[in-house]
Structures are given as structure tokens and as C-alpha cells.
PDB file of N, CA and C in Angstrom:
ATOM      1  N   MET A   1       0.853  -1.173   0.000  1.00  0.00           N
ATOM      2  CA  MET A   1       0.000   0.000   0.000  1.00  0.00           C
ATOM      3  C   MET A   1       0.905   1.245   0.000  1.00  0.00           C
ATOM      4  N   ASP A   2       0.627   2.190  -0.894  1.00  0.00           N
ATOM      5  CA  ASP A   2       1.437   3.388  -0.954  1.00  0.00           C
ATOM      6  C   ASP A   2       0.887   4.473  -0.014  1.00  0.00           C
ATOM      7  N   VAL A   3       1.647   5.545   0.139  1.00  0.00           N
ATOM      8  CA  VAL A   3       1.291   6.620   1.065  1.00  0.00           C
ATOM      9  C   VAL A   3      -0.037   7.265   0.679  1.00  0.00           C
ATOM     10  N   LYS A   4      -0.222   7.535  -0.591  1.00  0.00           N
ATOM     11  CA  LYS A   4      -1.475   8.156  -1.047  1.00  0.00           C
ATOM     12  C   LYS A   4      -2.685   7.315  -0.648  1.00  0.00           C
ATOM     13  N   GLU A   5      -2.597   6.034  -0.902  1.00  0.00           N
ATOM     14  CA  GLU A   5      -3.703   5.119  -0.604  1.00  0.00           C
ATOM     15  C   GLU A   5      -3.929   4.998   0.905  1.00  0.00           C
ATOM     16  N   LEU A   6      -2.868   4.935   1.665  1.00  0.00           N
ATOM     17  CA  LEU A   6      -2.982   4.821   3.117  1.00  0.00           C
ATOM     18  C   LEU A   6      -3.665   6.046   3.722  1.00  0.00           C
ATOM     19  N   ILE A   7      -3.245   7.232   3.311  1.00  0.00           N
ATOM     20  CA  ILE A   7      -3.851   8.460   3.827  1.00  0.00           C
ATOM     21  C   ILE A   7      -5.321   8.540   3.415  1.00  0.00           C
ATOM     22  N   LYS A   8      -5.617   8.189   2.175  1.00  0.00           N
ATOM     23  CA  LYS A   8      -7.004   8.194   1.699  1.00  0.00           C
ATOM     24  C   LYS A   8      -7.857   7.253   2.536  1.00  0.00           C
ATOM     25  N   ASN A   9      -7.342   6.070   2.847  1.00  0.00           N
ATOM     26  CA  ASN A   9      -8.089   5.104   3.657  1.00  0.00           C
ATOM     27  C   ASN A   9      -8.251   5.555   5.100  1.00  0.00           C
ATOM     28  N   LEU A  10      -7.248   6.214   5.657  1.00  0.00           N
ATOM     29  CA  LEU A  10      -7.291   6.638   7.060  1.00  0.00           C
ATOM     30  C   LEU A  10      -8.205   7.830   7.302  1.00  0.00           C
ATOM     31  N   ILE A  11      -8.036   8.882   6.481  1.00  0.00           N
ATOM     32  CA  ILE A  11      -8.767  10.121   6.762  1.00  0.00           C
ATOM     33  C   ILE A  11      -9.579  10.644   5.582  1.00  0.00           C
ATOM     34  N   GLY A  12      -9.599   9.913   4.479  1.00  0.00           N
ATOM     35  CA  GLY A  12     -10.412  10.314   3.342  1.00  0.00           C
ATOM     36  C   GLY A  12      -9.875  11.486   2.556  1.00  0.00           C
ATOM     37  N   VAL A  13      -8.567  11.732   2.650  1.00  0.00           N
ATOM     38  CA  VAL A  13      -7.942  12.857   1.964  1.00  0.00           C
ATOM     39  C   VAL A  13      -7.035  12.342   0.861  1.00  0.00           C
ATOM     40  N   GLU A  14      -7.180  12.919  -0.322  1.00  0.00           N
ATOM     41  CA  GLU A  14      -6.286  12.574  -1.418  1.00  0.00           C
ATOM     42  C   GLU A  14      -5.086  13.512  -1.391  1.00  0.00           C
ATOM     43  N   VAL A  15      -3.895  12.940  -1.376  1.00  0.00           N
ATOM     44  CA  VAL A  15      -2.677  13.739  -1.420  1.00  0.00           C
ATOM     45  C   VAL A  15      -2.037  13.614  -2.799  1.00  0.00           C
ATOM     46  N   THR A  16      -1.166  14.564  -3.109  1.00  0.00           N
ATOM     47  CA  THR A  16      -0.588  14.641  -4.442  1.00  0.00           C
ATOM     48  C   THR A  16       0.779  13.981  -4.551  1.00  0.00           C
ATOM     49  N   THR A  17       1.246  13.371  -3.480  1.00  0.00           N
ATOM     50  CA  THR A  17       2.577  12.769  -3.479  1.00  0.00           C
ATOM     51  C   THR A  17       2.611  11.489  -2.666  1.00  0.00           C
ATOM     52  N   ASP A  18       3.557  10.624  -2.975  1.00  0.00           N
ATOM     53  CA  ASP A  18       3.812   9.431  -2.170  1.00  0.00           C
ATOM     54  C   ASP A  18       4.982   9.640  -1.222  1.00  0.00           C
ATOM     55  N   ASN A  19       5.552  10.825  -1.233  1.00  0.00           N
ATOM     56  CA  ASN A  19       6.715  11.149  -0.421  1.00  0.00           C
ATOM     57  C   ASN A  19       6.273  11.526   0.996  1.00  0.00           C
ATOM     58  N   VAL A  20       6.507  10.631   1.954  1.00  0.00           N
ATOM     59  CA  VAL A  20       6.092  10.853   3.340  1.00  0.00           C
ATOM     60  C   VAL A  20       6.736  12.105   3.916  1.00  0.00           C
ATOM     61  N   GLU A  21       7.997  12.307   3.628  1.00  0.00           N
ATOM     62  CA  GLU A  21       8.709  13.472   4.154  1.00  0.00           C
ATOM     63  C   GLU A  21       8.061  14.774   3.673  1.00  0.00           C
ATOM     64  N   GLU A  22       7.669  14.806   2.424  1.00  0.00           N
ATOM     65  CA  GLU A  22       7.010  15.986   1.869  1.00  0.00           C
ATOM     66  C   GLU A  22       5.663  16.229   2.549  1.00  0.00           C
ATOM     67  N   VAL A  23       4.914  15.168   2.768  1.00  0.00           N
ATOM     68  CA  VAL A  23       3.622  15.284   3.448  1.00  0.00           C
ATOM     69  C   VAL A  23       3.817  15.798   4.870  1.00  0.00           C
ATOM     70  N   MET A  24       4.815  15.282   5.567  1.00  0.00           N
ATOM     71  CA  MET A  24       5.069  15.691   6.947  1.00  0.00           C
ATOM     72  C   MET A  24       5.545  17.144   7.036  1.00  0.00           C
ATOM     73  N   ASN A  25       6.366  17.576   6.089  1.00  0.00           N
ATOM     74  CA  ASN A  25       6.941  18.918   6.135  1.00  0.00           C
ATOM     75  C   ASN A  25       6.027  19.999   5.589  1.00  0.00           C
ATOM     76  N   ASN A  26       5.158  19.665   4.674  1.00  0.00           N
ATOM     77  CA  ASN A  26       4.297  20.672   4.069  1.00  0.00           C
ATOM     78  C   ASN A  26       2.965  20.065   3.636  1.00  0.00           C
ATOM     79  N   PRO A  27       2.126  19.708   4.601  1.00  0.00           N
ATOM     80  CA  PRO A  27       0.867  19.047   4.275  1.00  0.00           C
ATOM     81  C   PRO A  27      -0.068  19.901   3.421  1.00  0.00           C
ATOM     82  N   VAL A  28      -0.024  21.211   3.577  1.00  0.00           N
ATOM     83  CA  VAL A  28      -0.912  22.089   2.818  1.00  0.00           C
ATOM     84  C   VAL A  28      -0.642  21.992   1.320  1.00  0.00           C
ATOM     85  N   GLU A  29       0.621  21.871   0.951  1.00  0.00           N
ATOM     86  CA  GLU A  29       0.986  21.796  -0.458  1.00  0.00           C
ATOM     87  C   GLU A  29       0.676  20.429  -1.075  1.00  0.00           C
ATOM     88  N   CYS A  30       0.327  19.462  -0.256  1.00  0.00           N
ATOM     89  CA  CYS A  30       0.104  18.098  -0.750  1.00  0.00           C
ATOM     90  C   CYS A  30      -1.368  17.764  -0.938  1.00  0.00           C
ATOM     91  N   THR A  31      -2.237  18.758  -0.791  1.00  0.00           N
ATOM     92  CA  THR A  31      -3.667  18.542  -0.974  1.00  0.00           C
ATOM     93  C   THR A  31      -4.232  19.574  -1.939  1.00  0.00           C
ATOM     94  N   THR A  32      -5.493  19.388  -2.292  1.00  0.00           N
ATOM     95  CA  THR A  32      -6.107  20.290  -3.266  1.00  0.00           C
ATOM     96  C   THR A  32      -7.185  21.189  -2.678  1.00  0.00           C
ATOM     97  N   SER A  33      -7.487  21.035  -1.395  1.00  0.00           N
ATOM     98  CA  SER A  33      -8.498  21.900  -0.783  1.00  0.00           C
ATOM     99  C   SER A  33      -8.085  22.279   0.634  1.00  0.00           C
ATOM    100  N   LYS A  34      -8.623  23.385   1.104  1.00  0.00           N
ATOM    101  CA  LYS A  34      -8.322  23.853   2.456  1.00  0.00           C
ATOM    102  C   LYS A  34      -8.805  22.848   3.502  1.00  0.00           C
ATOM    103  N   GLU A  35      -9.977  22.289   3.278  1.00  0.00           N
ATOM    104  CA  GLU A  35     -10.531  21.306   4.217  1.00  0.00           C
ATOM    105  C   GLU A  35      -9.634  20.070   4.317  1.00  0.00           C
ATOM    106  N   ASP A  36      -9.181  19.567   3.176  1.00  0.00           N
ATOM    107  CA  ASP A  36      -8.290  18.408   3.176  1.00  0.00           C
ATOM    108  C   ASP A  36      -6.954  18.747   3.833  1.00  0.00           C
ATOM    109  N   ALA A  37      -6.472  19.961   3.592  1.00  0.00           N
ATOM    110  CA  ALA A  37      -5.206  20.383   4.196  1.00  0.00           C
ATOM    111  C   ALA A  37      -5.315  20.388   5.718  1.00  0.00           C
ATOM    112  N   GLU A  38      -6.441  20.851   6.237  1.00  0.00           N
ATOM    113  CA  GLU A  38      -6.643  20.878   7.690  1.00  0.00           C
ATOM    114  C   GLU A  38      -6.656  19.467   8.264  1.00  0.00           C
ATOM    115  N   LYS A  39      -7.328  18.548   7.584  1.00  0.00           N
ATOM    116  CA  LYS A  39      -7.360  17.153   8.037  1.00  0.00           C
ATOM    117  C   LYS A  39      -5.956  16.546   8.018  1.00  0.00           C
ATOM    118  N   LEU A  40      -5.234  16.824   6.956  1.00  0.00           N
ATOM    119  CA  LEU A  40      -3.880  16.281   6.833  1.00  0.00           C
ATOM    120  C   LEU A  40      -2.957  16.878   7.890  1.00  0.00           C
ATOM    121  N   GLU A  41      -3.101  18.173   8.175  1.00  0.00           N
ATOM    122  CA  GLU A  41      -2.299  18.795   9.231  1.00  0.00           C
ATOM    123  C   GLU A  41      -2.573  18.144  10.580  1.00  0.00           C
ATOM    124  N   GLU A  42      -3.833  17.795  10.841  1.00  0.00           N
ATOM    125  CA  GLU A  42      -4.178  17.116  12.095  1.00  0.00           C
ATOM    126  C   GLU A  42      -3.517  15.741  12.175  1.00  0.00           C
ATOM    127  N   LEU A  43      -3.491  15.029  11.063  1.00  0.00           N
ATOM    128  CA  LEU A  43      -2.822  13.729  11.030  1.00  0.00           C
ATOM    129  C   LEU A  43      -1.328  13.888  11.304  1.00  0.00           C
ATOM    130  N   VAL A  44      -0.716  14.880  10.678  1.00  0.00           N
ATOM    131  CA  VAL A  44       0.712  15.134  10.874  1.00  0.00           C
ATOM    132  C   VAL A  44       0.976  15.479  12.334  1.00  0.00           C
ATOM    133  N   LEU A  45       0.151  16.327  12.929  1.00  0.00           N
ATOM    134  CA  LEU A  45       0.310  16.680  14.339  1.00  0.00           C
ATOM    135  C   LEU A  45       0.209  15.442  15.220  1.00  0.00           C
ATOM    136  N   PHE A  46      -0.766  14.591  14.949  1.00  0.00           N
ATOM    137  CA  PHE A  46      -0.916  13.352  15.705  1.00  0.00           C
ATOM    138  C   PHE A  46       0.341  12.494  15.617  1.00  0.00           C
ATOM    139  N   LEU A  47       0.874  12.355  14.408  1.00  0.00           N
ATOM    140  CA  LEU A  47       2.077  11.539  14.221  1.00  0.00           C
ATOM    141  C   LEU A  47       3.274  12.132  14.951  1.00  0.00           C
ATOM    142  N   GLU A  48       3.408  13.457  14.925  1.00  0.00           N
ATOM    143  CA  GLU A  48       4.509  14.113  15.645  1.00  0.00           C
ATOM    144  C   GLU A  48       4.377  13.911  17.151  1.00  0.00           C
ATOM    145  N   LEU A  49       3.160  14.039  17.676  1.00  0.00           N
ATOM    146  CA  LEU A  49       2.934  13.823  19.107  1.00  0.00           C
ATOM    147  C   LEU A  49       3.212  12.374  19.492  1.00  0.00           C
ATOM    148  N   ALA A  50       2.806  11.454  18.654  1.00  0.00           N
ATOM    149  CA  ALA A  50       3.074  10.031  18.921  1.00  0.00           C
ATOM    150  C   ALA A  50       4.569   9.769  18.945  1.00  0.00           C
ATOM    151  N   LYS A  51       5.299  10.380  18.034  1.00  0.00           N
ATOM    152  CA  LYS A  51       6.748  10.196  17.986  1.00  0.00           C
ATOM    153  C   LYS A  51       7.403  10.754  19.249  1.00  0.00           C
ATOM    154  N   GLU A  52       6.973  11.956  19.687  1.00  0.00           N
ATOM    155  CA  GLU A  52       7.507  12.565  20.909  1.00  0.00           C
ATOM    156  C   GLU A  52       7.234  11.688  22.125  1.00  0.00           C
ATOM    157  N   THR A  53       6.044  11.134  22.203  1.00  0.00           N
ATOM    158  CA  THR A  53       5.670  10.280  23.328  1.00  0.00           C
ATOM    159  C   THR A  53       6.533   9.023  23.349  1.00  0.00           C
ATOM    160  N   GLU A  54       6.773   8.479  22.169  1.00  0.00           N
ATOM    161  CA  GLU A  54       7.588   7.271  22.059  1.00  0.00           C
ATOM    162  C   GLU A  54       9.028   7.516  22.499  1.00  0.00           C
ATOM    163  N   GLU A  55       9.540   8.708  22.247  1.00  0.00           N
ATOM    164  CA  GLU A  55      10.934   9.036  22.566  1.00  0.00           C
ATOM    165  C   GLU A  55      11.150   9.274  24.055  1.00  0.00           C
ATOM    166  N   MET A  56      10.085   9.481  24.808  1.00  0.00           N
ATOM    167  CA  MET A  56      10.222   9.773  26.244  1.00  0.00           C
ATOM    168  C   MET A  56      10.546   8.542  27.017  1.00  0.00           C
TER     169      MET A  56
END
């Protein structure tokens, strides 16, 4: 399963790239609507918080 498909299945947002790093660094540029960008930003925030928690 590629990144585009995984994100679509998780939150219903279509992204324009399969590059995880690009999605994490600039989620707004990886979507086609403001609403999708907000959802993707929330996913990125969740992943960053999960990573911080894991490192503690």
C-alpha cells in the first residue's frame, strides 16, 4: 500500500505525493483543498505527538 492510498483510507484525503517526508513537512501543499489540508495537518500533528511520546 502506498502513502497516497494509506492516507485516503485513514482520513479520506487525497494527497498529491507518495513522499512521506514531503507530506510531513508541508501538508498544505500536498492537498487540493483547504478542508483536506486541515485534516492532513491534524494527522501530521498526531504523528509528531506520537513520535515525541515514544521518545520519552
